[in-house]
Amino acid sequence: MPVTDSGFMLRSLEFLATFFIFFVGLCVLDMIVVYVLDVTQTKHALRRNYPVIGHFRYFFHEVGVIAHSCGVSEPRQLRRFHARIVTENRHSVSLQDMYATHATQSKQNETNR
């Protein structure tokens, strides 16, 4: 079956290409701003000597803090069962318990139908 209106597909492709170029441009502009801020700041030698890449150290430090708060000595040991969700009534529930409850409730709903 032949396509009668290919104008829509071409306009969509042009829009997506324009959006992609705009997004890449924003990312490059963001990296340039971060680079300039890193080189001109005087507090952290790591960020001054390794602009942009130095931010990864701080990111991984925060991941380590989260891992230690979950009771794990190394961030590589962090697993799904360490994660916890705080419910509306301010109770901390592990993901395993939450999904086990959810699976049990869905099975009960299926049997009640």
N, C-alpha and C. Protein backbone atom coordinates (compact mmCIF):
# COMPACT_ATOMS: atom_id res chain seq x y z
N MET A 1 0.84 -1.17 0.00
CA MET A 1 0.00 0.00 0.00
C MET A 1 0.90 1.24 0.00
N PRO A 2 0.80 2.09 -0.98
CA PRO A 2 1.68 3.27 -1.08
C PRO A 2 1.30 4.33 -0.04
N VAL A 3 2.33 5.04 0.43
CA VAL A 3 2.12 6.12 1.39
C VAL A 3 1.78 7.37 0.60
N THR A 4 0.66 7.99 0.93
CA THR A 4 0.23 9.15 0.15
C THR A 4 0.82 10.46 0.68
N ASP A 5 1.00 10.57 1.99
CA ASP A 5 1.51 11.82 2.55
C ASP A 5 2.84 11.56 3.24
N SER A 6 3.93 11.83 2.52
CA SER A 6 5.26 11.66 3.12
C SER A 6 5.74 12.96 3.74
N GLY A 7 4.98 14.04 3.59
CA GLY A 7 5.38 15.32 4.16
C GLY A 7 5.41 15.28 5.67
N PHE A 8 4.49 14.56 6.28
CA PHE A 8 4.45 14.45 7.74
C PHE A 8 5.72 13.77 8.26
N MET A 9 6.12 12.71 7.59
CA MET A 9 7.31 11.98 8.05
C MET A 9 8.56 12.84 7.89
N LEU A 10 8.66 13.59 6.81
CA LEU A 10 9.82 14.45 6.61
C LEU A 10 9.86 15.58 7.63
N ARG A 11 8.70 16.17 7.91
CA ARG A 11 8.64 17.24 8.92
C ARG A 11 9.00 16.69 10.30
N SER A 12 8.53 15.48 10.61
CA SER A 12 8.85 14.86 11.90
C SER A 12 10.35 14.59 12.01
N LEU A 13 10.94 14.09 10.94
CA LEU A 13 12.37 13.82 10.93
C LEU A 13 13.18 15.11 11.07
N GLU A 14 12.75 16.16 10.40
CA GLU A 14 13.43 17.44 10.52
C GLU A 14 13.32 17.98 11.94
N PHE A 15 12.15 17.84 12.56
CA PHE A 15 11.97 18.29 13.94
C PHE A 15 12.87 17.52 14.88
N LEU A 16 12.92 16.20 14.74
CA LEU A 16 13.76 15.38 15.61
C LEU A 16 15.24 15.70 15.43
N ALA A 17 15.67 15.94 14.18
CA ALA A 17 17.06 16.30 13.93
C ALA A 17 17.40 17.65 14.54
N THR A 18 16.48 18.60 14.42
CA THR A 18 16.69 19.92 15.02
C THR A 18 16.74 19.82 16.53
N PHE A 19 15.85 19.04 17.11
CA PHE A 19 15.84 18.85 18.56
C PHE A 19 17.15 18.21 19.03
N PHE A 20 17.63 17.22 18.31
CA PHE A 20 18.88 16.54 18.67
C PHE A 20 20.06 17.51 18.63
N ILE A 21 20.15 18.31 17.58
CA ILE A 21 21.24 19.28 17.45
C ILE A 21 21.15 20.32 18.56
N PHE A 22 19.95 20.76 18.88
CA PHE A 22 19.74 21.72 19.97
C PHE A 22 20.17 21.12 21.30
N PHE A 23 19.81 19.86 21.55
CA PHE A 23 20.17 19.18 22.80
C PHE A 23 21.69 19.00 22.91
N VAL A 24 22.33 18.59 21.84
CA VAL A 24 23.80 18.43 21.85
C VAL A 24 24.47 19.78 22.09
N GLY A 25 23.93 20.83 21.47
CA GLY A 25 24.47 22.17 21.68
C GLY A 25 24.35 22.62 23.12
N LEU A 26 23.21 22.33 23.75
CA LEU A 26 23.04 22.67 25.17
C LEU A 26 24.03 21.91 26.05
N CYS A 27 24.27 20.65 25.73
CA CYS A 27 25.24 19.85 26.50
C CYS A 27 26.65 20.43 26.36
N VAL A 28 27.02 20.80 25.15
CA VAL A 28 28.35 21.38 24.92
C VAL A 28 28.46 22.72 25.64
N LEU A 29 27.42 23.53 25.56
CA LEU A 29 27.42 24.82 26.26
C LEU A 29 27.53 24.63 27.77
N ASP A 30 26.83 23.64 28.29
CA ASP A 30 26.90 23.33 29.72
C ASP A 30 28.32 22.92 30.12
N MET A 31 28.96 22.09 29.31
CA MET A 31 30.33 21.68 29.61
C MET A 31 31.31 22.86 29.56
N ILE A 32 31.08 23.78 28.65
CA ILE A 32 31.95 24.96 28.56
C ILE A 32 31.79 25.82 29.81
N VAL A 33 30.55 26.00 30.26
CA VAL A 33 30.30 26.79 31.47
C VAL A 33 30.94 26.13 32.68
N VAL A 34 30.78 24.80 32.81
CA VAL A 34 31.37 24.08 33.93
C VAL A 34 32.89 24.18 33.87
N TYR A 35 33.45 24.09 32.68
CA TYR A 35 34.91 24.20 32.50
C TYR A 35 35.40 25.56 32.99
N VAL A 36 34.74 26.62 32.55
CA VAL A 36 35.17 27.97 32.94
C VAL A 36 35.04 28.15 34.45
N LEU A 37 33.92 27.67 35.03
CA LEU A 37 33.75 27.79 36.48
C LEU A 37 34.80 26.98 37.24
N ASP A 38 35.13 25.81 36.74
CA ASP A 38 36.13 24.97 37.41
C ASP A 38 37.52 25.59 37.35
N VAL A 39 37.89 26.14 36.22
CA VAL A 39 39.24 26.70 36.06
C VAL A 39 39.40 27.98 36.89
N THR A 40 38.34 28.75 37.02
CA THR A 40 38.45 30.03 37.73
C THR A 40 38.25 29.92 39.24
N GLN A 41 37.69 28.82 39.73
CA GLN A 41 37.48 28.70 41.18
C GLN A 41 38.81 28.39 41.87
N THR A 42 38.87 28.70 43.17
CA THR A 42 40.13 28.52 43.91
C THR A 42 40.00 27.59 45.10
N LYS A 43 38.83 27.02 45.37
CA LYS A 43 38.64 26.17 46.55
C LYS A 43 39.17 24.75 46.37
N HIS A 44 38.92 24.15 45.22
CA HIS A 44 39.24 22.73 45.01
C HIS A 44 40.30 22.59 43.93
N ALA A 45 41.45 22.08 44.31
CA ALA A 45 42.54 21.89 43.34
C ALA A 45 42.19 20.82 42.32
N LEU A 46 41.44 19.82 42.75
CA LEU A 46 41.06 18.74 41.84
C LEU A 46 40.22 19.27 40.68
N ARG A 47 39.26 20.11 40.98
CA ARG A 47 38.42 20.68 39.92
C ARG A 47 39.21 21.67 39.05
N ARG A 48 40.19 22.36 39.63
CA ARG A 48 40.98 23.30 38.85
C ARG A 48 41.93 22.56 37.91
N ASN A 49 42.53 21.46 38.38
CA ASN A 49 43.49 20.72 37.56
C ASN A 49 42.81 19.80 36.56
N TYR A 50 41.66 19.27 36.93
CA TYR A 50 40.91 18.36 36.05
C TYR A 50 39.48 18.87 35.90
N PRO A 51 39.30 19.94 35.13
CA PRO A 51 37.95 20.50 35.01
C PRO A 51 36.99 19.50 34.37
N VAL A 52 35.76 19.57 34.73
CA VAL A 52 34.65 18.74 34.29
C VAL A 52 34.79 17.31 34.83
N ILE A 53 35.91 16.65 34.62
CA ILE A 53 36.09 15.27 35.06
C ILE A 53 36.21 15.20 36.59
N GLY A 54 36.72 16.27 37.21
CA GLY A 54 36.85 16.30 38.65
C GLY A 54 35.52 16.18 39.38
N HIS A 55 34.42 16.50 38.71
CA HIS A 55 33.10 16.39 39.34
C HIS A 55 32.72 14.94 39.61
N PHE A 56 33.28 14.00 38.86
CA PHE A 56 32.95 12.59 39.08
C PHE A 56 33.42 12.13 40.47
N ARG A 57 34.53 12.68 40.95
CA ARG A 57 35.00 12.30 42.29
C ARG A 57 33.94 12.63 43.33
N TYR A 58 33.35 13.82 43.21
CA TYR A 58 32.34 14.22 44.18
C TYR A 58 31.07 13.39 44.02
N PHE A 59 30.74 13.02 42.79
CA PHE A 59 29.57 12.16 42.55
C PHE A 59 29.78 10.80 43.21
N PHE A 60 30.95 10.20 42.98
CA PHE A 60 31.21 8.88 43.57
C PHE A 60 31.34 8.95 45.09
N HIS A 61 31.79 10.08 45.61
CA HIS A 61 31.80 10.25 47.05
C HIS A 61 30.39 10.21 47.61
N GLU A 62 29.45 10.88 46.94
CA GLU A 62 28.05 10.87 47.39
C GLU A 62 27.46 9.47 47.30
N VAL A 63 27.80 8.71 46.27
CA VAL A 63 27.34 7.33 46.17
C VAL A 63 27.87 6.52 47.34
N GLY A 64 29.12 6.76 47.71
CA GLY A 64 29.70 6.06 48.86
C GLY A 64 29.00 6.41 50.16
N VAL A 65 28.62 7.68 50.32
CA VAL A 65 27.90 8.09 51.52
C VAL A 65 26.56 7.37 51.60
N ILE A 66 25.87 7.27 50.48
CA ILE A 66 24.59 6.56 50.46
C ILE A 66 24.80 5.09 50.78
N ALA A 67 25.85 4.49 50.23
CA ALA A 67 26.12 3.08 50.49
C ALA A 67 26.41 2.85 51.97
N HIS A 68 27.19 3.73 52.56
CA HIS A 68 27.52 3.57 53.98
C HIS A 68 26.29 3.76 54.86
N SER A 69 25.38 4.64 54.45
CA SER A 69 24.17 4.83 55.25
C SER A 69 23.27 3.61 55.16
N CYS A 70 23.43 2.79 54.13
CA CYS A 70 22.66 1.55 54.01
C CYS A 70 23.33 0.40 54.74
N GLY A 71 24.49 0.63 55.33
CA GLY A 71 25.18 -0.41 56.08
C GLY A 71 26.11 -1.25 55.23
N VAL A 72 26.57 -0.73 54.12
CA VAL A 72 27.46 -1.45 53.22
C VAL A 72 28.83 -0.78 53.28
N SER A 73 29.88 -1.58 53.36
CA SER A 73 31.22 -1.00 53.47
C SER A 73 31.76 -0.51 52.13
N GLU A 74 31.41 -1.14 51.05
CA GLU A 74 31.87 -0.74 49.72
C GLU A 74 30.66 -0.46 48.82
N PRO A 75 30.70 0.61 48.03
CA PRO A 75 29.57 0.90 47.14
C PRO A 75 29.29 -0.22 46.13
N ARG A 76 30.34 -1.01 45.78
CA ARG A 76 30.12 -2.11 44.83
C ARG A 76 29.28 -3.22 45.42
N GLN A 77 29.18 -3.27 46.75
CA GLN A 77 28.38 -4.30 47.41
C GLN A 77 26.91 -3.90 47.53
N LEU A 78 26.57 -2.68 47.12
CA LEU A 78 25.21 -2.19 47.26
C LEU A 78 24.28 -2.99 46.35
N ARG A 79 23.25 -3.56 46.92
CA ARG A 79 22.30 -4.38 46.18
C ARG A 79 20.89 -3.85 46.39
N ARG A 80 19.97 -4.43 45.66
CA ARG A 80 18.59 -3.95 45.70
C ARG A 80 17.99 -4.08 47.09
N PHE A 81 18.31 -5.12 47.83
CA PHE A 81 17.69 -5.31 49.13
C PHE A 81 18.17 -4.30 50.16
N HIS A 82 19.22 -3.53 49.85
CA HIS A 82 19.65 -2.47 50.76
C HIS A 82 18.78 -1.23 50.65
N ALA A 83 18.11 -1.06 49.54
CA ALA A 83 17.30 0.14 49.32
C ALA A 83 16.03 0.08 50.15
N ARG A 84 15.61 1.23 50.63
CA ARG A 84 14.41 1.32 51.46
C ARG A 84 13.55 2.48 50.95
N ILE A 85 12.26 2.35 51.13
CA ILE A 85 11.31 3.37 50.74
C ILE A 85 10.64 3.90 52.00
N VAL A 86 10.49 5.22 52.08
CA VAL A 86 9.76 5.82 53.20
C VAL A 86 8.32 6.03 52.75
N THR A 87 7.38 5.42 53.48
CA THR A 87 5.97 5.50 53.10
C THR A 87 5.37 6.81 53.58
N GLU A 88 4.08 7.01 53.26
CA GLU A 88 3.42 8.26 53.62
C GLU A 88 3.32 8.45 55.13
N ASN A 89 3.21 7.36 55.87
CA ASN A 89 3.11 7.47 57.32
C ASN A 89 4.49 7.41 58.00
N ARG A 90 5.55 7.73 57.23
CA ARG A 90 6.92 7.87 57.72
C ARG A 90 7.55 6.56 58.21
N HIS A 91 7.10 5.42 57.71
CA HIS A 91 7.72 4.14 58.03
C HIS A 91 8.67 3.75 56.92
N SER A 92 9.82 3.21 57.29
CA SER A 92 10.81 2.77 56.32
C SER A 92 10.56 1.30 55.98
N VAL A 93 10.37 1.01 54.70
CA VAL A 93 10.06 -0.35 54.24
C VAL A 93 11.10 -0.74 53.21
N SER A 94 11.66 -1.95 53.32
CA SER A 94 12.62 -2.40 52.31
C SER A 94 11.88 -2.72 51.02
N LEU A 95 12.60 -2.64 49.92
CA LEU A 95 11.97 -2.91 48.63
C LEU A 95 11.48 -4.35 48.53
N GLN A 96 12.22 -5.28 49.12
CA GLN A 96 11.78 -6.68 49.09
C GLN A 96 10.45 -6.85 49.79
N ASP A 97 10.31 -6.23 50.96
CA ASP A 97 9.04 -6.32 51.67
C ASP A 97 7.93 -5.64 50.90
N MET A 98 8.24 -4.52 50.31
CA MET A 98 7.23 -3.77 49.57
C MET A 98 6.75 -4.55 48.35
N TYR A 99 7.68 -5.13 47.60
CA TYR A 99 7.28 -5.89 46.42
C TYR A 99 6.64 -7.22 46.80
N ALA A 100 7.07 -7.81 47.90
CA ALA A 100 6.43 -9.05 48.34
C ALA A 100 4.98 -8.78 48.73
N THR A 101 4.73 -7.67 49.43
CA THR A 101 3.37 -7.29 49.78
C THR A 101 2.56 -7.00 48.53
N HIS A 102 3.17 -6.30 47.57
CA HIS A 102 2.48 -5.97 46.33
C HIS A 102 2.13 -7.24 45.54
N ALA A 103 3.06 -8.19 45.48
CA ALA A 103 2.80 -9.43 44.76
C ALA A 103 1.71 -10.23 45.45
N THR A 104 1.71 -10.26 46.77
CA THR A 104 0.68 -10.98 47.51
C THR A 104 -0.68 -10.34 47.28
N GLN A 105 -0.74 -9.03 47.30
CA GLN A 105 -2.01 -8.33 47.09
C GLN A 105 -2.53 -8.56 45.68
N SER A 106 -1.65 -8.55 44.69
CA SER A 106 -2.11 -8.76 43.32
C SER A 106 -2.61 -10.19 43.12
N LYS A 107 -1.97 -11.17 43.78
CA LYS A 107 -2.45 -12.54 43.70
C LYS A 107 -3.80 -12.69 44.36
N GLN A 108 -4.02 -11.99 45.48
CA GLN A 108 -5.31 -12.04 46.16
C GLN A 108 -6.37 -11.39 45.31
N ASN A 109 -6.05 -10.31 44.63
CA ASN A 109 -7.02 -9.65 43.75
C ASN A 109 -7.40 -10.53 42.58
N GLU A 110 -6.42 -11.29 42.04
CA GLU A 110 -6.72 -12.19 40.94
C GLU A 110 -7.63 -13.33 41.38
N THR A 111 -7.42 -13.85 42.59
CA THR A 111 -8.26 -14.94 43.07
C THR A 111 -9.65 -14.48 43.45
N ASN A 112 -9.81 -13.20 43.82
CA ASN A 112 -11.12 -12.67 44.19
C ASN A 112 -11.98 -12.37 42.97
N ARG A 113 -11.41 -12.32 41.81
CA ARG A 113 -12.18 -11.99 40.60
C ARG A 113 -12.99 -13.12 40.13
